[in-house]
N, C-alpha and C. Protein backbone atom coordinates (compact mmCIF):
# COMPACT_ATOMS: atom_id res chain seq x y z
N UNK A 1 23.37 -14.33 -17.15
CA UNK A 1 23.73 -13.61 -18.35
C UNK A 1 22.54 -13.51 -19.30
N UNK A 2 21.73 -14.57 -19.34
CA UNK A 2 20.55 -14.56 -20.22
C UNK A 2 19.57 -13.49 -19.76
N UNK A 3 19.43 -13.31 -18.46
CA UNK A 3 18.52 -12.32 -17.92
C UNK A 3 18.92 -10.91 -18.35
N UNK A 4 20.22 -10.60 -18.35
CA UNK A 4 20.72 -9.30 -18.78
C UNK A 4 20.48 -9.08 -20.27
N UNK A 5 20.66 -10.11 -21.05
CA UNK A 5 20.42 -10.01 -22.49
C UNK A 5 18.95 -9.71 -22.75
N UNK A 6 18.06 -10.40 -22.03
CA UNK A 6 16.62 -10.19 -22.19
C UNK A 6 16.25 -8.75 -21.81
N UNK A 7 16.80 -8.26 -20.70
CA UNK A 7 16.52 -6.88 -20.28
C UNK A 7 17.03 -5.89 -21.31
N UNK A 8 18.21 -6.12 -21.83
CA UNK A 8 18.77 -5.25 -22.84
C UNK A 8 17.88 -5.20 -24.07
N UNK A 9 17.36 -6.37 -24.49
CA UNK A 9 16.47 -6.43 -25.65
C UNK A 9 15.20 -5.64 -25.40
N UNK A 10 14.64 -5.74 -24.19
CA UNK A 10 13.43 -4.97 -23.84
C UNK A 10 13.69 -3.47 -23.88
N UNK A 11 14.83 -3.07 -23.34
CA UNK A 11 15.20 -1.65 -23.36
C UNK A 11 15.40 -1.17 -24.79
N UNK A 12 16.04 -1.98 -25.61
CA UNK A 12 16.27 -1.63 -27.01
C UNK A 12 14.94 -1.49 -27.75
N UNK A 13 14.00 -2.41 -27.53
CA UNK A 13 12.67 -2.34 -28.16
C UNK A 13 11.94 -1.08 -27.72
N UNK A 14 12.00 -0.77 -26.41
CA UNK A 14 11.34 0.42 -25.90
C UNK A 14 11.92 1.68 -26.54
N UNK A 15 13.24 1.73 -26.68
CA UNK A 15 13.88 2.87 -27.29
C UNK A 15 13.43 3.04 -28.74
N UNK A 16 13.36 1.93 -29.48
CA UNK A 16 12.93 1.98 -30.88
C UNK A 16 11.51 2.51 -31.00
N UNK A 17 10.63 2.09 -30.11
CA UNK A 17 9.24 2.56 -30.15
C UNK A 17 9.18 4.04 -29.82
N UNK A 18 9.86 4.45 -28.76
CA UNK A 18 9.78 5.84 -28.32
C UNK A 18 10.48 6.81 -29.26
N UNK A 19 11.47 6.35 -30.01
CA UNK A 19 12.18 7.25 -30.92
C UNK A 19 11.47 7.43 -32.26
N UNK A 20 10.53 6.57 -32.58
CA UNK A 20 9.76 6.68 -33.82
C UNK A 20 8.42 7.36 -33.49
N UNK A 21 8.17 8.56 -34.04
CA UNK A 21 6.94 9.30 -33.70
C UNK A 21 5.64 8.52 -33.97
N UNK A 22 5.60 7.77 -35.07
CA UNK A 22 4.38 7.00 -35.38
C UNK A 22 4.18 5.86 -34.38
N UNK A 23 5.25 5.13 -34.10
CA UNK A 23 5.14 4.03 -33.15
C UNK A 23 4.84 4.54 -31.75
N UNK A 24 5.43 5.67 -31.40
CA UNK A 24 5.16 6.25 -30.08
C UNK A 24 3.69 6.66 -29.96
N UNK A 25 3.14 7.27 -30.99
CA UNK A 25 1.73 7.67 -30.98
C UNK A 25 0.83 6.45 -30.87
N UNK A 26 1.18 5.40 -31.60
CA UNK A 26 0.39 4.16 -31.52
C UNK A 26 0.45 3.59 -30.11
N UNK A 27 1.64 3.57 -29.53
CA UNK A 27 1.81 3.06 -28.17
C UNK A 27 0.97 3.87 -27.18
N UNK A 28 1.01 5.20 -27.30
CA UNK A 28 0.24 6.06 -26.39
C UNK A 28 -1.26 5.77 -26.49
N UNK A 29 -1.74 5.52 -27.71
CA UNK A 29 -3.17 5.23 -27.90
C UNK A 29 -3.55 3.88 -27.30
N UNK A 30 -2.63 2.95 -27.25
CA UNK A 30 -2.92 1.59 -26.80
C UNK A 30 -2.21 1.20 -25.51
N UNK A 31 -1.71 2.17 -24.80
CA UNK A 31 -0.93 1.92 -23.59
C UNK A 31 -1.65 1.03 -22.58
N UNK A 32 -2.91 1.37 -22.29
CA UNK A 32 -3.69 0.60 -21.30
C UNK A 32 -3.87 -0.85 -21.74
N UNK A 33 -4.12 -1.05 -23.02
CA UNK A 33 -4.31 -2.41 -23.53
C UNK A 33 -3.03 -3.23 -23.39
N UNK A 34 -1.88 -2.59 -23.62
CA UNK A 34 -0.61 -3.29 -23.53
C UNK A 34 -0.29 -3.63 -22.07
N UNK A 35 -0.48 -2.65 -21.18
CA UNK A 35 -0.11 -2.85 -19.78
C UNK A 35 -1.13 -3.64 -18.97
N UNK A 36 -2.41 -3.46 -19.29
CA UNK A 36 -3.45 -4.09 -18.47
C UNK A 36 -4.41 -4.94 -19.28
N UNK A 37 -4.00 -5.30 -20.46
CA UNK A 37 -4.87 -6.11 -21.31
C UNK A 37 -5.10 -7.50 -20.75
N UNK A 38 -6.00 -8.23 -21.38
CA UNK A 38 -6.36 -9.57 -20.90
C UNK A 38 -5.17 -10.53 -20.92
N UNK A 39 -4.15 -10.20 -21.70
CA UNK A 39 -2.98 -11.08 -21.76
C UNK A 39 -1.97 -10.75 -20.65
N UNK A 40 -2.25 -9.72 -19.86
CA UNK A 40 -1.34 -9.35 -18.77
C UNK A 40 -1.80 -10.02 -17.47
N UNK A 41 -1.07 -9.79 -16.43
CA UNK A 41 -1.42 -10.35 -15.11
C UNK A 41 -2.26 -9.38 -14.29
N UNK A 42 -2.76 -8.32 -14.90
CA UNK A 42 -3.51 -7.30 -14.19
C UNK A 42 -4.82 -7.88 -13.64
N UNK A 43 -5.13 -7.54 -12.40
CA UNK A 43 -6.39 -7.96 -11.77
C UNK A 43 -7.17 -6.72 -11.37
N UNK A 44 -8.40 -6.65 -11.78
CA UNK A 44 -9.27 -5.54 -11.40
C UNK A 44 -9.77 -5.80 -9.98
N UNK A 45 -9.45 -4.90 -9.10
CA UNK A 45 -9.87 -5.04 -7.71
C UNK A 45 -10.83 -3.94 -7.32
N UNK A 46 -11.80 -3.67 -8.18
CA UNK A 46 -12.80 -2.65 -7.91
C UNK A 46 -13.66 -3.06 -6.73
N UNK A 47 -14.10 -2.07 -6.00
CA UNK A 47 -14.95 -2.30 -4.85
C UNK A 47 -16.29 -2.87 -5.30
N UNK A 48 -16.74 -3.92 -4.63
CA UNK A 48 -18.07 -4.48 -4.90
C UNK A 48 -19.08 -3.62 -4.16
N UNK A 49 -19.74 -2.74 -4.87
CA UNK A 49 -20.65 -1.79 -4.23
C UNK A 49 -21.95 -2.43 -3.77
N UNK A 50 -22.27 -3.60 -4.27
CA UNK A 50 -23.55 -4.22 -3.92
C UNK A 50 -23.63 -4.58 -2.44
N UNK A 51 -22.50 -4.73 -1.80
CA UNK A 51 -22.50 -5.02 -0.36
C UNK A 51 -23.00 -3.82 0.44
N UNK A 52 -23.04 -2.64 -0.17
CA UNK A 52 -23.44 -1.42 0.52
C UNK A 52 -24.88 -0.99 0.22
N UNK A 53 -25.60 -1.82 -0.51
CA UNK A 53 -27.02 -1.56 -0.77
C UNK A 53 -27.86 -2.20 0.33
N UNK A 54 -27.43 -2.02 1.55
CA UNK A 54 -28.07 -2.70 2.66
C UNK A 54 -27.81 -1.87 3.92
N UNK A 55 -28.84 -1.63 4.67
CA UNK A 55 -28.70 -0.83 5.89
C UNK A 55 -27.89 -1.53 6.96
N UNK A 56 -27.64 -2.81 6.79
CA UNK A 56 -26.86 -3.53 7.80
C UNK A 56 -25.35 -3.30 7.65
N UNK A 57 -24.92 -2.57 6.63
CA UNK A 57 -23.49 -2.32 6.45
C UNK A 57 -23.02 -1.20 7.38
N UNK A 58 -23.93 -0.50 8.03
CA UNK A 58 -23.57 0.54 8.99
C UNK A 58 -24.44 0.40 10.23
N UNK A 59 -23.97 0.98 11.31
CA UNK A 59 -24.70 0.93 12.57
C UNK A 59 -24.94 2.35 13.06
N UNK A 60 -26.14 2.82 12.87
CA UNK A 60 -26.49 4.16 13.33
C UNK A 60 -25.96 5.25 12.43
N UNK A 61 -26.25 6.49 12.85
CA UNK A 61 -25.87 7.65 12.04
C UNK A 61 -24.82 8.51 12.72
N UNK A 62 -24.02 7.87 13.55
CA UNK A 62 -22.94 8.60 14.20
C UNK A 62 -21.72 8.69 13.31
N UNK A 63 -20.69 9.35 13.85
CA UNK A 63 -19.44 9.51 13.12
C UNK A 63 -18.40 8.47 13.53
N UNK A 64 -18.85 7.45 14.25
CA UNK A 64 -17.95 6.39 14.70
C UNK A 64 -17.60 5.49 13.51
N UNK A 65 -16.56 4.64 13.65
CA UNK A 65 -16.09 3.82 12.52
C UNK A 65 -17.15 2.94 11.86
N UNK A 66 -18.14 2.52 12.58
CA UNK A 66 -19.19 1.67 12.00
C UNK A 66 -20.45 2.45 11.64
N UNK A 67 -20.42 3.75 11.85
CA UNK A 67 -21.57 4.60 11.58
C UNK A 67 -21.72 4.92 10.10
N UNK A 68 -22.91 5.34 9.74
CA UNK A 68 -23.29 5.68 8.36
C UNK A 68 -22.24 6.57 7.69
N UNK A 69 -21.86 7.66 8.34
CA UNK A 69 -21.00 8.64 7.69
C UNK A 69 -19.57 8.12 7.49
N UNK A 70 -19.07 7.39 8.43
CA UNK A 70 -17.70 6.85 8.29
C UNK A 70 -17.66 5.74 7.24
N UNK A 71 -18.65 4.86 7.28
CA UNK A 71 -18.69 3.75 6.32
C UNK A 71 -18.75 4.28 4.89
N UNK A 72 -19.68 5.20 4.63
CA UNK A 72 -19.84 5.68 3.26
C UNK A 72 -18.75 6.67 2.85
N UNK A 73 -18.14 7.36 3.80
CA UNK A 73 -16.99 8.21 3.46
C UNK A 73 -15.86 7.33 2.92
N UNK A 74 -15.64 6.19 3.55
CA UNK A 74 -14.59 5.26 3.09
C UNK A 74 -14.95 4.67 1.72
N UNK A 75 -16.22 4.33 1.53
CA UNK A 75 -16.66 3.75 0.25
C UNK A 75 -16.39 4.73 -0.89
N UNK A 76 -16.82 5.97 -0.73
CA UNK A 76 -16.67 6.93 -1.82
C UNK A 76 -15.22 7.37 -2.00
N UNK A 77 -14.46 7.35 -0.93
CA UNK A 77 -13.03 7.63 -1.06
C UNK A 77 -12.34 6.52 -1.87
N UNK A 78 -12.71 5.28 -1.61
CA UNK A 78 -12.13 4.17 -2.36
C UNK A 78 -12.55 4.21 -3.83
N UNK A 79 -13.80 4.53 -4.08
CA UNK A 79 -14.28 4.62 -5.47
C UNK A 79 -13.51 5.69 -6.23
N UNK A 80 -13.29 6.82 -5.59
CA UNK A 80 -12.53 7.90 -6.25
C UNK A 80 -11.08 7.46 -6.47
N UNK A 81 -10.50 6.78 -5.47
CA UNK A 81 -9.11 6.34 -5.58
C UNK A 81 -8.91 5.33 -6.71
N UNK A 82 -9.94 4.53 -7.00
CA UNK A 82 -9.84 3.55 -8.08
C UNK A 82 -9.64 4.22 -9.44
N UNK A 83 -10.12 5.43 -9.58
CA UNK A 83 -10.03 6.14 -10.86
C UNK A 83 -8.77 7.00 -11.00
N UNK A 84 -8.03 7.21 -9.91
CA UNK A 84 -6.90 8.14 -9.92
C UNK A 84 -5.92 7.85 -11.05
N UNK A 85 -5.52 6.60 -11.21
CA UNK A 85 -4.49 6.30 -12.21
C UNK A 85 -4.98 6.50 -13.65
N UNK A 86 -6.27 6.67 -13.84
CA UNK A 86 -6.83 6.88 -15.18
C UNK A 86 -7.14 8.35 -15.44
N UNK A 87 -6.95 9.19 -14.44
CA UNK A 87 -7.23 10.63 -14.59
C UNK A 87 -6.07 11.31 -15.30
N UNK A 88 -6.38 12.43 -15.92
CA UNK A 88 -5.35 13.19 -16.64
C UNK A 88 -4.31 13.75 -15.68
N UNK A 89 -4.76 14.15 -14.48
CA UNK A 89 -3.83 14.66 -13.47
C UNK A 89 -4.39 14.35 -12.09
N UNK A 90 -3.49 14.35 -11.11
CA UNK A 90 -3.94 14.07 -9.74
C UNK A 90 -4.75 15.22 -9.17
N UNK A 91 -4.68 16.38 -9.81
CA UNK A 91 -5.49 17.52 -9.37
C UNK A 91 -6.97 17.19 -9.50
N UNK A 92 -7.33 16.38 -10.49
CA UNK A 92 -8.72 15.97 -10.66
C UNK A 92 -9.22 15.25 -9.41
N UNK A 93 -8.37 14.42 -8.82
CA UNK A 93 -8.75 13.67 -7.62
C UNK A 93 -9.05 14.63 -6.47
N UNK A 94 -8.23 15.66 -6.34
CA UNK A 94 -8.42 16.62 -5.26
C UNK A 94 -9.72 17.41 -5.41
N UNK A 95 -10.25 17.49 -6.62
CA UNK A 95 -11.48 18.24 -6.87
C UNK A 95 -12.75 17.42 -6.57
N UNK A 96 -12.61 16.13 -6.35
CA UNK A 96 -13.77 15.29 -6.06
C UNK A 96 -14.26 15.60 -4.66
N UNK A 97 -15.53 16.00 -4.52
CA UNK A 97 -16.05 16.34 -3.19
C UNK A 97 -16.05 15.12 -2.27
N UNK A 98 -15.74 15.37 -1.00
CA UNK A 98 -15.71 14.31 0.01
C UNK A 98 -17.10 14.13 0.61
N UNK A 99 -17.37 12.92 1.09
CA UNK A 99 -18.67 12.59 1.69
C UNK A 99 -18.90 13.36 2.98
N UNK A 100 -17.87 13.55 3.74
CA UNK A 100 -18.00 14.31 4.97
C UNK A 100 -18.53 13.47 6.13
N UNK A 101 -19.12 14.16 7.12
CA UNK A 101 -19.69 13.49 8.28
C UNK A 101 -20.98 14.19 8.68
N UNK A 102 -21.51 13.85 9.83
CA UNK A 102 -22.80 14.40 10.24
C UNK A 102 -22.75 15.90 10.45
N UNK A 103 -21.56 16.47 10.62
CA UNK A 103 -21.41 17.90 10.87
C UNK A 103 -21.08 18.70 9.62
N UNK A 104 -20.99 18.05 8.46
CA UNK A 104 -20.66 18.74 7.22
C UNK A 104 -21.73 19.76 6.87
N UNK A 105 -21.31 20.85 6.25
CA UNK A 105 -22.27 21.89 5.85
C UNK A 105 -23.16 21.36 4.72
N UNK A 106 -24.34 21.92 4.63
CA UNK A 106 -25.27 21.49 3.58
C UNK A 106 -24.70 21.78 2.20
N UNK A 107 -23.94 22.86 2.06
CA UNK A 107 -23.31 23.17 0.77
C UNK A 107 -22.35 22.05 0.35
N UNK A 108 -21.57 21.54 1.31
CA UNK A 108 -20.63 20.45 1.02
C UNK A 108 -21.39 19.18 0.64
N UNK A 109 -22.48 18.93 1.36
CA UNK A 109 -23.27 17.72 1.12
C UNK A 109 -23.91 17.77 -0.27
N UNK A 110 -24.49 18.91 -0.60
CA UNK A 110 -25.14 19.08 -1.91
C UNK A 110 -24.09 18.95 -3.03
N UNK A 111 -22.93 19.55 -2.84
CA UNK A 111 -21.85 19.45 -3.84
C UNK A 111 -21.43 18.00 -4.03
N UNK A 112 -21.33 17.26 -2.93
CA UNK A 112 -20.97 15.85 -3.00
C UNK A 112 -21.97 15.09 -3.85
N UNK A 113 -23.26 15.22 -3.55
CA UNK A 113 -24.28 14.46 -4.28
C UNK A 113 -24.40 14.93 -5.73
N UNK A 114 -24.23 16.21 -5.99
CA UNK A 114 -24.27 16.69 -7.38
C UNK A 114 -23.16 16.04 -8.20
N UNK A 115 -21.98 15.92 -7.62
CA UNK A 115 -20.86 15.30 -8.33
C UNK A 115 -21.14 13.82 -8.58
N UNK A 116 -21.49 13.08 -7.53
CA UNK A 116 -21.59 11.63 -7.62
C UNK A 116 -22.84 11.16 -8.35
N UNK A 117 -23.88 11.98 -8.42
CA UNK A 117 -25.07 11.58 -9.19
C UNK A 117 -24.78 11.56 -10.68
N UNK A 118 -23.74 12.27 -11.09
CA UNK A 118 -23.36 12.27 -12.51
C UNK A 118 -21.98 11.62 -12.69
N UNK A 119 -21.65 10.72 -11.80
CA UNK A 119 -20.36 10.03 -11.81
C UNK A 119 -20.13 9.33 -13.15
N UNK A 120 -18.88 9.39 -13.60
CA UNK A 120 -18.48 8.67 -14.80
C UNK A 120 -17.06 8.16 -14.59
N UNK A 121 -16.91 6.86 -14.60
CA UNK A 121 -15.60 6.26 -14.34
C UNK A 121 -14.60 6.62 -15.42
N UNK A 122 -13.35 6.68 -15.02
CA UNK A 122 -12.27 6.98 -15.96
C UNK A 122 -11.54 5.70 -16.38
N UNK A 123 -11.91 4.57 -15.80
CA UNK A 123 -11.20 3.31 -16.06
C UNK A 123 -11.25 2.93 -17.53
N UNK A 124 -10.19 2.27 -17.99
CA UNK A 124 -10.09 1.87 -19.39
C UNK A 124 -10.75 0.53 -19.66
N UNK A 125 -10.81 -0.34 -18.67
CA UNK A 125 -11.32 -1.71 -18.80
C UNK A 125 -10.59 -2.51 -19.86
N UNK A 126 -9.32 -2.17 -20.06
CA UNK A 126 -8.51 -2.88 -21.06
C UNK A 126 -8.37 -4.36 -20.73
N UNK A 127 -8.48 -4.73 -19.47
CA UNK A 127 -8.33 -6.13 -19.09
C UNK A 127 -9.48 -6.99 -19.59
N UNK A 128 -10.54 -6.36 -20.09
CA UNK A 128 -11.67 -7.11 -20.64
C UNK A 128 -11.52 -7.37 -22.15
N UNK A 129 -10.56 -6.72 -22.77
CA UNK A 129 -10.41 -6.82 -24.22
C UNK A 129 -9.93 -8.22 -24.60
N UNK A 130 -10.61 -8.86 -25.56
CA UNK A 130 -10.26 -10.24 -25.92
C UNK A 130 -9.03 -10.36 -26.84
N UNK A 131 -8.66 -9.29 -27.51
CA UNK A 131 -7.56 -9.39 -28.47
C UNK A 131 -6.30 -8.74 -27.93
N UNK A 132 -5.18 -9.32 -28.27
CA UNK A 132 -3.89 -8.75 -27.92
C UNK A 132 -3.44 -7.89 -29.09
N UNK A 133 -3.53 -6.58 -28.94
CA UNK A 133 -3.25 -5.68 -30.07
C UNK A 133 -1.78 -5.67 -30.47
N UNK A 134 -0.91 -6.12 -29.59
CA UNK A 134 0.52 -6.13 -29.95
C UNK A 134 0.83 -7.19 -30.99
N UNK A 135 -0.07 -8.15 -31.17
CA UNK A 135 0.14 -9.22 -32.15
C UNK A 135 -0.51 -8.92 -33.51
N UNK A 136 -1.25 -7.83 -33.58
CA UNK A 136 -1.98 -7.50 -34.82
C UNK A 136 -1.13 -6.59 -35.68
N UNK A 137 -0.87 -7.01 -36.88
CA UNK A 137 -0.04 -6.23 -37.81
C UNK A 137 -0.87 -5.61 -38.93
N UNK A 138 -1.98 -6.20 -39.27
CA UNK A 138 -2.80 -5.70 -40.37
C UNK A 138 -3.65 -4.51 -39.89
N UNK A 139 -3.48 -3.40 -40.54
CA UNK A 139 -4.12 -2.15 -40.12
C UNK A 139 -5.64 -2.24 -40.14
N UNK A 140 -6.21 -2.86 -41.15
CA UNK A 140 -7.67 -2.97 -41.26
C UNK A 140 -8.24 -3.79 -40.10
N UNK A 141 -7.58 -4.88 -39.78
CA UNK A 141 -8.02 -5.73 -38.68
C UNK A 141 -7.86 -4.98 -37.34
N UNK A 142 -6.81 -4.19 -37.21
CA UNK A 142 -6.58 -3.42 -35.99
C UNK A 142 -7.71 -2.42 -35.77
N UNK A 143 -8.18 -1.80 -36.85
CA UNK A 143 -9.31 -0.86 -36.73
C UNK A 143 -10.57 -1.58 -36.24
N UNK A 144 -10.81 -2.79 -36.76
CA UNK A 144 -11.97 -3.56 -36.32
C UNK A 144 -11.84 -3.95 -34.85
N UNK A 145 -10.66 -4.34 -34.47
CA UNK A 145 -10.41 -4.71 -33.06
C UNK A 145 -10.59 -3.49 -32.16
N UNK A 146 -10.06 -2.34 -32.57
CA UNK A 146 -10.25 -1.10 -31.80
C UNK A 146 -11.73 -0.79 -31.62
N UNK A 147 -12.49 -0.96 -32.68
CA UNK A 147 -13.93 -0.69 -32.62
C UNK A 147 -14.62 -1.65 -31.63
N UNK A 148 -14.25 -2.92 -31.69
CA UNK A 148 -14.82 -3.91 -30.76
C UNK A 148 -14.42 -3.59 -29.31
N UNK A 149 -13.17 -3.19 -29.12
CA UNK A 149 -12.70 -2.85 -27.78
C UNK A 149 -13.43 -1.64 -27.23
N UNK A 150 -13.70 -0.66 -28.08
CA UNK A 150 -14.44 0.53 -27.64
C UNK A 150 -15.85 0.16 -27.17
N UNK A 151 -16.51 -0.76 -27.87
CA UNK A 151 -17.84 -1.21 -27.46
C UNK A 151 -17.79 -1.90 -26.11
N UNK A 152 -16.80 -2.74 -25.92
CA UNK A 152 -16.63 -3.45 -24.64
C UNK A 152 -16.38 -2.43 -23.53
N UNK A 153 -15.53 -1.45 -23.81
CA UNK A 153 -15.20 -0.43 -22.82
C UNK A 153 -16.45 0.40 -22.46
N UNK A 154 -17.22 0.80 -23.47
CA UNK A 154 -18.42 1.60 -23.21
C UNK A 154 -19.43 0.82 -22.38
N UNK A 155 -19.59 -0.46 -22.68
CA UNK A 155 -20.54 -1.28 -21.93
C UNK A 155 -20.09 -1.42 -20.48
N UNK A 156 -18.81 -1.69 -20.26
CA UNK A 156 -18.29 -1.84 -18.90
C UNK A 156 -18.39 -0.53 -18.12
N UNK A 157 -18.08 0.57 -18.77
CA UNK A 157 -18.19 1.87 -18.10
C UNK A 157 -19.64 2.18 -17.74
N UNK A 158 -20.54 1.91 -18.65
CA UNK A 158 -21.95 2.17 -18.38
C UNK A 158 -22.44 1.35 -17.19
N UNK A 159 -22.07 0.08 -17.15
CA UNK A 159 -22.48 -0.78 -16.04
C UNK A 159 -21.93 -0.25 -14.72
N UNK A 160 -20.65 0.13 -14.70
CA UNK A 160 -20.06 0.65 -13.46
C UNK A 160 -20.68 1.97 -13.06
N UNK A 161 -20.90 2.85 -14.03
CA UNK A 161 -21.52 4.13 -13.72
C UNK A 161 -22.92 3.93 -13.14
N UNK A 162 -23.69 3.02 -13.72
CA UNK A 162 -25.03 2.73 -13.20
C UNK A 162 -24.98 2.18 -11.78
N UNK A 163 -24.01 1.30 -11.51
CA UNK A 163 -23.85 0.75 -10.15
C UNK A 163 -23.60 1.88 -9.15
N UNK A 164 -22.65 2.74 -9.49
CA UNK A 164 -22.25 3.81 -8.57
C UNK A 164 -23.39 4.81 -8.39
N UNK A 165 -24.02 5.20 -9.46
CA UNK A 165 -25.13 6.16 -9.37
C UNK A 165 -26.29 5.59 -8.56
N UNK A 166 -26.55 4.30 -8.70
CA UNK A 166 -27.61 3.66 -7.91
C UNK A 166 -27.24 3.67 -6.43
N UNK A 167 -25.97 3.41 -6.13
CA UNK A 167 -25.52 3.47 -4.75
C UNK A 167 -25.69 4.88 -4.19
N UNK A 168 -25.36 5.88 -4.99
CA UNK A 168 -25.49 7.27 -4.55
C UNK A 168 -26.95 7.57 -4.19
N UNK A 169 -27.88 7.12 -5.02
CA UNK A 169 -29.30 7.36 -4.72
C UNK A 169 -29.72 6.62 -3.46
N UNK A 170 -29.23 5.40 -3.27
CA UNK A 170 -29.53 4.63 -2.06
C UNK A 170 -29.04 5.38 -0.82
N UNK A 171 -27.81 5.87 -0.87
CA UNK A 171 -27.22 6.58 0.27
C UNK A 171 -27.93 7.91 0.50
N UNK A 172 -28.19 8.63 -0.57
CA UNK A 172 -28.81 9.95 -0.47
C UNK A 172 -30.19 9.86 0.19
N UNK A 173 -30.93 8.84 -0.14
CA UNK A 173 -32.28 8.66 0.42
C UNK A 173 -32.22 8.46 1.94
N UNK A 174 -31.13 7.91 2.46
CA UNK A 174 -31.00 7.61 3.89
C UNK A 174 -30.19 8.65 4.66
N UNK A 175 -29.53 9.53 3.95
CA UNK A 175 -28.65 10.53 4.56
C UNK A 175 -29.48 11.57 5.31
N UNK A 176 -29.29 11.65 6.62
CA UNK A 176 -30.04 12.59 7.47
C UNK A 176 -29.78 14.03 7.06
N UNK A 177 -28.59 14.31 6.55
CA UNK A 177 -28.28 15.67 6.11
C UNK A 177 -29.15 16.07 4.92
N UNK A 178 -29.40 15.13 4.01
CA UNK A 178 -30.23 15.42 2.84
C UNK A 178 -31.71 15.49 3.23
N UNK A 179 -32.10 14.70 4.19
CA UNK A 179 -33.49 14.77 4.69
C UNK A 179 -33.73 16.16 5.26
N UNK A 180 -32.75 16.67 6.02
CA UNK A 180 -32.85 18.02 6.58
C UNK A 180 -32.88 19.06 5.46
N UNK A 181 -32.04 18.86 4.46
CA UNK A 181 -31.96 19.79 3.33
C UNK A 181 -33.30 19.85 2.58
N UNK A 182 -33.89 18.68 2.32
CA UNK A 182 -35.19 18.65 1.63
C UNK A 182 -36.28 19.33 2.46
N UNK A 183 -36.26 19.11 3.76
CA UNK A 183 -37.23 19.75 4.66
C UNK A 183 -37.06 21.26 4.61
N UNK A 184 -35.82 21.73 4.58
CA UNK A 184 -35.53 23.16 4.52
C UNK A 184 -36.05 23.76 3.20
N UNK A 185 -35.86 23.03 2.09
CA UNK A 185 -36.37 23.51 0.80
C UNK A 185 -37.88 23.58 0.77
N UNK A 186 -38.54 22.59 1.38
CA UNK A 186 -40.00 22.59 1.44
C UNK A 186 -40.53 23.76 2.25
N UNK A 187 -39.84 24.09 3.33
CA UNK A 187 -40.26 25.24 4.15
C UNK A 187 -40.11 26.55 3.39
N UNK A 188 -39.03 26.66 2.61
CA UNK A 188 -38.83 27.86 1.80
C UNK A 188 -39.90 27.99 0.73
N UNK A 189 -40.32 26.86 0.16
CA UNK A 189 -41.31 26.88 -0.90
C UNK A 189 -42.67 27.24 -0.31
């Protein structure tokens, strides 16, 4: 019976927040912090890209499961998938160019690298925030906390973006398709 009472109270609180336009707007602005903040049980399971800064993570340049193209296709697919829940719509995910394989057209390969060289994560990094905003009632203090959280978020995003962009350059330098593309450009010049 206590469990039902607790659930009812949660539903009642949610209704009160959603029915008040100001509270709803505040909730929408802080949704990630509430759901994935440091006080929640959320665990960031981002791919450790540093394991892929090594030629030993793939075997050869074939399209087999351990080959360069298959290994890095999975890596970039996972990186894109990590951002899906933070995107405005799932259509954004479908627009992310795929890594492809050894038979991909040069246009596809160039589009892939153009996108990923300017990669910018959509993650909120709310789980890094030190303050629980649901406990803050003073508006002035909330603004200071928001400002501090934005700095933490920007720093985390910058670090992740740098990691991913560095990986892209590492992969691009070794990609036989790009070596062929550069050779083709040199011949044209």
